[in-house]
N, C-alpha and C. Protein backbone atom coordinates (compact mmCIF):
# COMPACT_ATOMS: atom_id res chain seq x y z
N MET A 1 -22.38 2.47 -17.71
CA MET A 1 -22.93 1.85 -16.63
C MET A 1 -22.38 2.38 -15.32
N PHE A 2 -21.09 2.49 -15.19
CA PHE A 2 -20.34 3.06 -14.03
C PHE A 2 -20.82 4.46 -13.87
N ALA A 3 -20.80 5.26 -14.84
CA ALA A 3 -21.23 6.77 -14.64
C ALA A 3 -22.66 6.75 -14.06
N THR A 4 -23.67 5.93 -14.55
CA THR A 4 -25.00 5.86 -13.99
C THR A 4 -24.99 5.47 -12.59
N LEU A 5 -24.20 4.40 -12.24
CA LEU A 5 -24.15 4.03 -10.87
C LEU A 5 -23.71 5.24 -9.98
N SER A 6 -22.71 5.86 -10.31
CA SER A 6 -22.10 7.01 -9.60
C SER A 6 -23.12 8.23 -9.45
N SER A 7 -23.71 8.62 -10.60
CA SER A 7 -24.64 9.88 -10.53
C SER A 7 -25.91 9.49 -10.08
N SER A 8 -26.55 8.42 -10.38
CA SER A 8 -27.99 8.14 -10.09
C SER A 8 -28.04 7.54 -8.68
N TYR A 9 -27.02 6.72 -8.24
CA TYR A 9 -27.19 6.07 -7.05
C TYR A 9 -26.08 6.30 -5.97
N ASP A 10 -25.18 7.34 -6.18
CA ASP A 10 -24.08 7.64 -5.43
C ASP A 10 -23.24 6.45 -5.00
N ILE A 11 -22.99 5.59 -5.85
CA ILE A 11 -22.13 4.35 -5.60
C ILE A 11 -20.76 4.72 -6.11
N THR A 12 -19.77 4.49 -5.34
CA THR A 12 -18.35 4.99 -5.59
C THR A 12 -17.40 3.71 -5.71
N ASN A 13 -17.98 2.66 -5.32
CA ASN A 13 -17.15 1.48 -5.23
C ASN A 13 -17.87 0.29 -5.80
N VAL A 14 -17.20 -0.58 -6.69
CA VAL A 14 -17.79 -1.68 -7.36
C VAL A 14 -16.74 -2.81 -7.33
N ILE A 15 -17.12 -3.97 -6.94
CA ILE A 15 -16.31 -5.09 -7.02
C ILE A 15 -16.47 -5.80 -8.31
N ILE A 16 -15.50 -6.09 -9.12
CA ILE A 16 -15.60 -6.75 -10.29
C ILE A 16 -14.79 -8.17 -10.11
N GLU A 17 -15.59 -9.17 -10.04
CA GLU A 17 -15.15 -10.54 -10.00
C GLU A 17 -15.55 -11.35 -11.12
N GLY A 18 -14.63 -11.41 -12.07
CA GLY A 18 -15.05 -12.01 -13.36
C GLY A 18 -13.98 -12.85 -13.90
N GLY A 19 -14.25 -13.28 -15.00
CA GLY A 19 -13.17 -14.24 -15.77
C GLY A 19 -12.21 -13.30 -16.42
N ALA A 20 -11.28 -14.01 -17.11
CA ALA A 20 -10.17 -13.29 -17.73
C ALA A 20 -10.65 -12.09 -18.58
N GLU A 21 -11.67 -12.29 -19.37
CA GLU A 21 -12.12 -11.29 -20.26
C GLU A 21 -12.61 -9.94 -19.60
N THR A 22 -13.34 -10.23 -18.58
CA THR A 22 -14.00 -9.07 -17.76
C THR A 22 -12.98 -8.28 -17.11
N ILE A 23 -11.95 -9.09 -16.40
CA ILE A 23 -10.90 -8.36 -15.76
C ILE A 23 -10.10 -7.61 -16.69
N ARG A 24 -9.74 -8.22 -17.80
CA ARG A 24 -8.84 -7.52 -18.82
C ARG A 24 -9.50 -6.18 -19.31
N ARG A 25 -10.83 -6.33 -19.66
CA ARG A 25 -11.54 -5.17 -20.10
C ARG A 25 -11.52 -4.00 -19.05
N ALA A 26 -11.77 -4.41 -17.85
CA ALA A 26 -11.80 -3.34 -16.74
C ALA A 26 -10.39 -2.67 -16.64
N LEU A 27 -9.29 -3.56 -16.66
CA LEU A 27 -8.00 -2.89 -16.51
C LEU A 27 -7.68 -2.05 -17.86
N ASP A 28 -8.06 -2.54 -19.05
CA ASP A 28 -7.71 -1.83 -20.28
C ASP A 28 -8.39 -0.50 -20.23
N ALA A 29 -9.73 -0.38 -19.61
CA ALA A 29 -10.54 0.77 -19.73
C ALA A 29 -10.10 1.70 -18.51
N ALA A 30 -9.03 1.36 -17.83
CA ALA A 30 -8.64 2.17 -16.65
C ALA A 30 -9.79 2.37 -15.58
N LEU A 31 -10.54 1.35 -15.29
CA LEU A 31 -11.55 1.40 -14.34
C LEU A 31 -11.16 0.87 -13.01
N VAL A 32 -9.97 0.46 -12.94
CA VAL A 32 -9.47 -0.22 -11.67
C VAL A 32 -8.47 0.73 -10.94
N ASP A 33 -8.76 0.98 -9.61
CA ASP A 33 -7.81 1.78 -8.86
C ASP A 33 -7.25 0.91 -7.72
N GLU A 34 -7.91 -0.30 -7.49
CA GLU A 34 -7.39 -1.00 -6.49
C GLU A 34 -7.68 -2.55 -6.82
N LEU A 35 -6.58 -3.37 -6.57
CA LEU A 35 -6.68 -4.70 -7.10
C LEU A 35 -6.35 -5.65 -5.93
N TRP A 36 -7.25 -6.61 -5.53
CA TRP A 36 -6.98 -7.63 -4.61
C TRP A 36 -6.72 -8.96 -5.33
N VAL A 37 -5.54 -9.55 -5.00
CA VAL A 37 -5.09 -10.81 -5.53
C VAL A 37 -4.96 -11.78 -4.44
N PHE A 38 -5.53 -12.91 -4.73
CA PHE A 38 -5.49 -14.09 -3.90
C PHE A 38 -4.59 -15.21 -4.58
N LYS A 39 -3.36 -15.46 -4.07
CA LYS A 39 -2.51 -16.25 -4.73
C LYS A 39 -2.55 -17.69 -3.97
N SER A 40 -2.64 -18.69 -4.87
CA SER A 40 -2.85 -20.17 -4.34
C SER A 40 -1.73 -20.90 -4.92
N GLN A 41 -1.36 -21.94 -4.16
CA GLN A 41 -0.40 -22.93 -4.74
C GLN A 41 -1.05 -23.91 -5.76
N ALA A 42 -2.43 -23.86 -5.78
CA ALA A 42 -3.10 -24.68 -6.81
C ALA A 42 -2.79 -24.22 -8.24
N THR A 43 -2.95 -25.23 -9.12
CA THR A 43 -2.81 -24.88 -10.56
C THR A 43 -4.18 -25.05 -11.27
N THR A 44 -4.23 -24.48 -12.53
CA THR A 44 -5.59 -24.64 -13.18
C THR A 44 -5.17 -25.26 -14.61
N ASN A 45 -6.29 -25.96 -15.15
CA ASN A 45 -6.28 -26.50 -16.45
C ASN A 45 -7.15 -25.66 -17.31
N CYS A 46 -7.59 -24.42 -16.86
CA CYS A 46 -8.48 -23.59 -17.63
C CYS A 46 -7.69 -23.15 -18.86
N SER A 47 -8.32 -23.08 -20.01
CA SER A 47 -7.72 -22.55 -21.26
C SER A 47 -7.61 -21.03 -21.23
N GLU A 48 -8.49 -20.36 -20.59
CA GLU A 48 -8.46 -18.96 -20.61
C GLU A 48 -8.42 -18.53 -19.13
N TYR A 49 -7.24 -17.90 -18.87
CA TYR A 49 -7.14 -17.30 -17.43
C TYR A 49 -6.18 -16.26 -17.58
N ILE A 50 -6.08 -15.41 -16.58
CA ILE A 50 -5.08 -14.35 -16.55
C ILE A 50 -4.01 -14.74 -15.51
N ASN A 51 -2.72 -14.67 -15.87
CA ASN A 51 -1.66 -14.93 -14.99
C ASN A 51 -1.37 -13.49 -14.25
N MET A 52 -1.89 -13.50 -12.98
CA MET A 52 -1.82 -12.19 -12.35
C MET A 52 -0.47 -11.74 -12.05
N ASN A 53 0.56 -12.64 -11.96
CA ASN A 53 1.90 -12.33 -11.87
C ASN A 53 2.35 -11.40 -13.11
N ASP A 54 1.87 -11.89 -14.29
CA ASP A 54 2.23 -10.88 -15.52
C ASP A 54 1.55 -9.65 -15.51
N VAL A 55 0.26 -9.76 -14.99
CA VAL A 55 -0.47 -8.54 -14.96
C VAL A 55 0.09 -7.44 -14.07
N ILE A 56 0.49 -7.97 -12.74
CA ILE A 56 1.09 -7.08 -11.72
C ILE A 56 2.39 -6.45 -12.24
N GLU A 57 3.27 -7.13 -13.09
CA GLU A 57 4.41 -6.66 -13.60
C GLU A 57 4.24 -5.64 -14.55
N GLN A 58 3.02 -5.54 -15.21
CA GLN A 58 2.87 -4.47 -16.23
C GLN A 58 2.21 -3.24 -15.71
N LEU A 59 1.76 -3.36 -14.34
CA LEU A 59 0.89 -2.14 -13.85
C LEU A 59 1.83 -1.28 -12.92
N ASP A 60 1.61 -0.06 -12.83
CA ASP A 60 2.25 0.91 -11.98
C ASP A 60 1.39 0.69 -10.71
N ILE A 61 1.90 -0.20 -9.72
CA ILE A 61 1.16 -0.41 -8.52
C ILE A 61 1.91 -0.43 -7.29
N GLU A 62 1.21 -0.25 -6.09
CA GLU A 62 1.96 -0.34 -4.90
C GLU A 62 1.32 -1.35 -3.95
N CYS A 63 1.95 -2.36 -3.43
CA CYS A 63 1.37 -3.21 -2.63
C CYS A 63 1.23 -2.67 -1.16
N VAL A 64 -0.03 -2.56 -0.69
CA VAL A 64 -0.29 -1.86 0.70
C VAL A 64 -0.57 -2.91 1.69
N SER A 65 -0.92 -4.10 1.37
CA SER A 65 -1.07 -5.22 2.50
C SER A 65 -0.91 -6.59 1.79
N GLU A 66 -0.33 -7.40 2.72
CA GLU A 66 -0.20 -8.85 2.23
C GLU A 66 -0.49 -9.62 3.62
N GLN A 67 -1.34 -10.77 3.52
CA GLN A 67 -1.71 -11.54 4.58
C GLN A 67 -2.16 -12.79 4.18
N SER A 68 -2.06 -13.79 5.05
CA SER A 68 -2.60 -15.12 4.85
C SER A 68 -4.10 -15.16 4.92
N SER A 69 -4.70 -15.95 3.90
CA SER A 69 -6.21 -16.07 3.93
C SER A 69 -6.32 -17.67 3.69
N GLY A 70 -6.45 -18.42 4.72
CA GLY A 70 -6.53 -19.91 4.57
C GLY A 70 -5.15 -20.30 4.03
N THR A 71 -5.34 -21.10 2.95
CA THR A 71 -4.10 -21.63 2.35
C THR A 71 -3.53 -20.58 1.27
N ASP A 72 -4.30 -19.62 1.03
CA ASP A 72 -3.85 -18.60 -0.03
C ASP A 72 -3.06 -17.39 0.69
N THR A 73 -2.60 -16.56 -0.09
CA THR A 73 -2.04 -15.28 0.25
C THR A 73 -2.82 -14.21 -0.37
N GLU A 74 -3.28 -13.24 0.37
CA GLU A 74 -4.10 -12.15 -0.04
C GLU A 74 -3.08 -10.87 -0.29
N TYR A 75 -3.12 -10.31 -1.36
CA TYR A 75 -2.31 -9.03 -1.69
C TYR A 75 -3.25 -8.03 -2.09
N ARG A 76 -3.18 -6.87 -1.53
CA ARG A 76 -3.91 -5.65 -1.83
C ARG A 76 -2.95 -4.56 -2.45
N TYR A 77 -3.29 -4.16 -3.72
CA TYR A 77 -2.52 -3.26 -4.43
C TYR A 77 -3.25 -2.02 -4.80
N LEU A 78 -2.64 -0.86 -4.73
CA LEU A 78 -3.22 0.38 -5.21
C LEU A 78 -2.61 0.66 -6.66
N ILE A 79 -3.44 0.96 -7.60
CA ILE A 79 -2.89 1.27 -8.94
C ILE A 79 -2.57 2.85 -8.98
N ASN A 80 -1.40 3.20 -9.40
CA ASN A 80 -0.90 4.50 -9.41
C ASN A 80 -1.51 5.09 -10.84
N GLY A 81 -1.75 6.49 -10.81
CA GLY A 81 -2.07 6.93 -12.12
C GLY A 81 -3.40 7.42 -12.14
């Protein structure tokens, strides 16, 4: 699908905003070169979620920006490799 978007429509950027399974698959397939993380003080009762702190620790990334976004903090990471 991404190859078709690139070759047929000249699309070079896609935002993936999905659940735990979607995000995990995109990361595992090395389709992600930039990661935006919004950290909140809120907690979740969801049974399936990704702890982004664990994901960030496993990736070879560089934090290129950090800023407040309402009550959250927005982090922008570039994935090396």
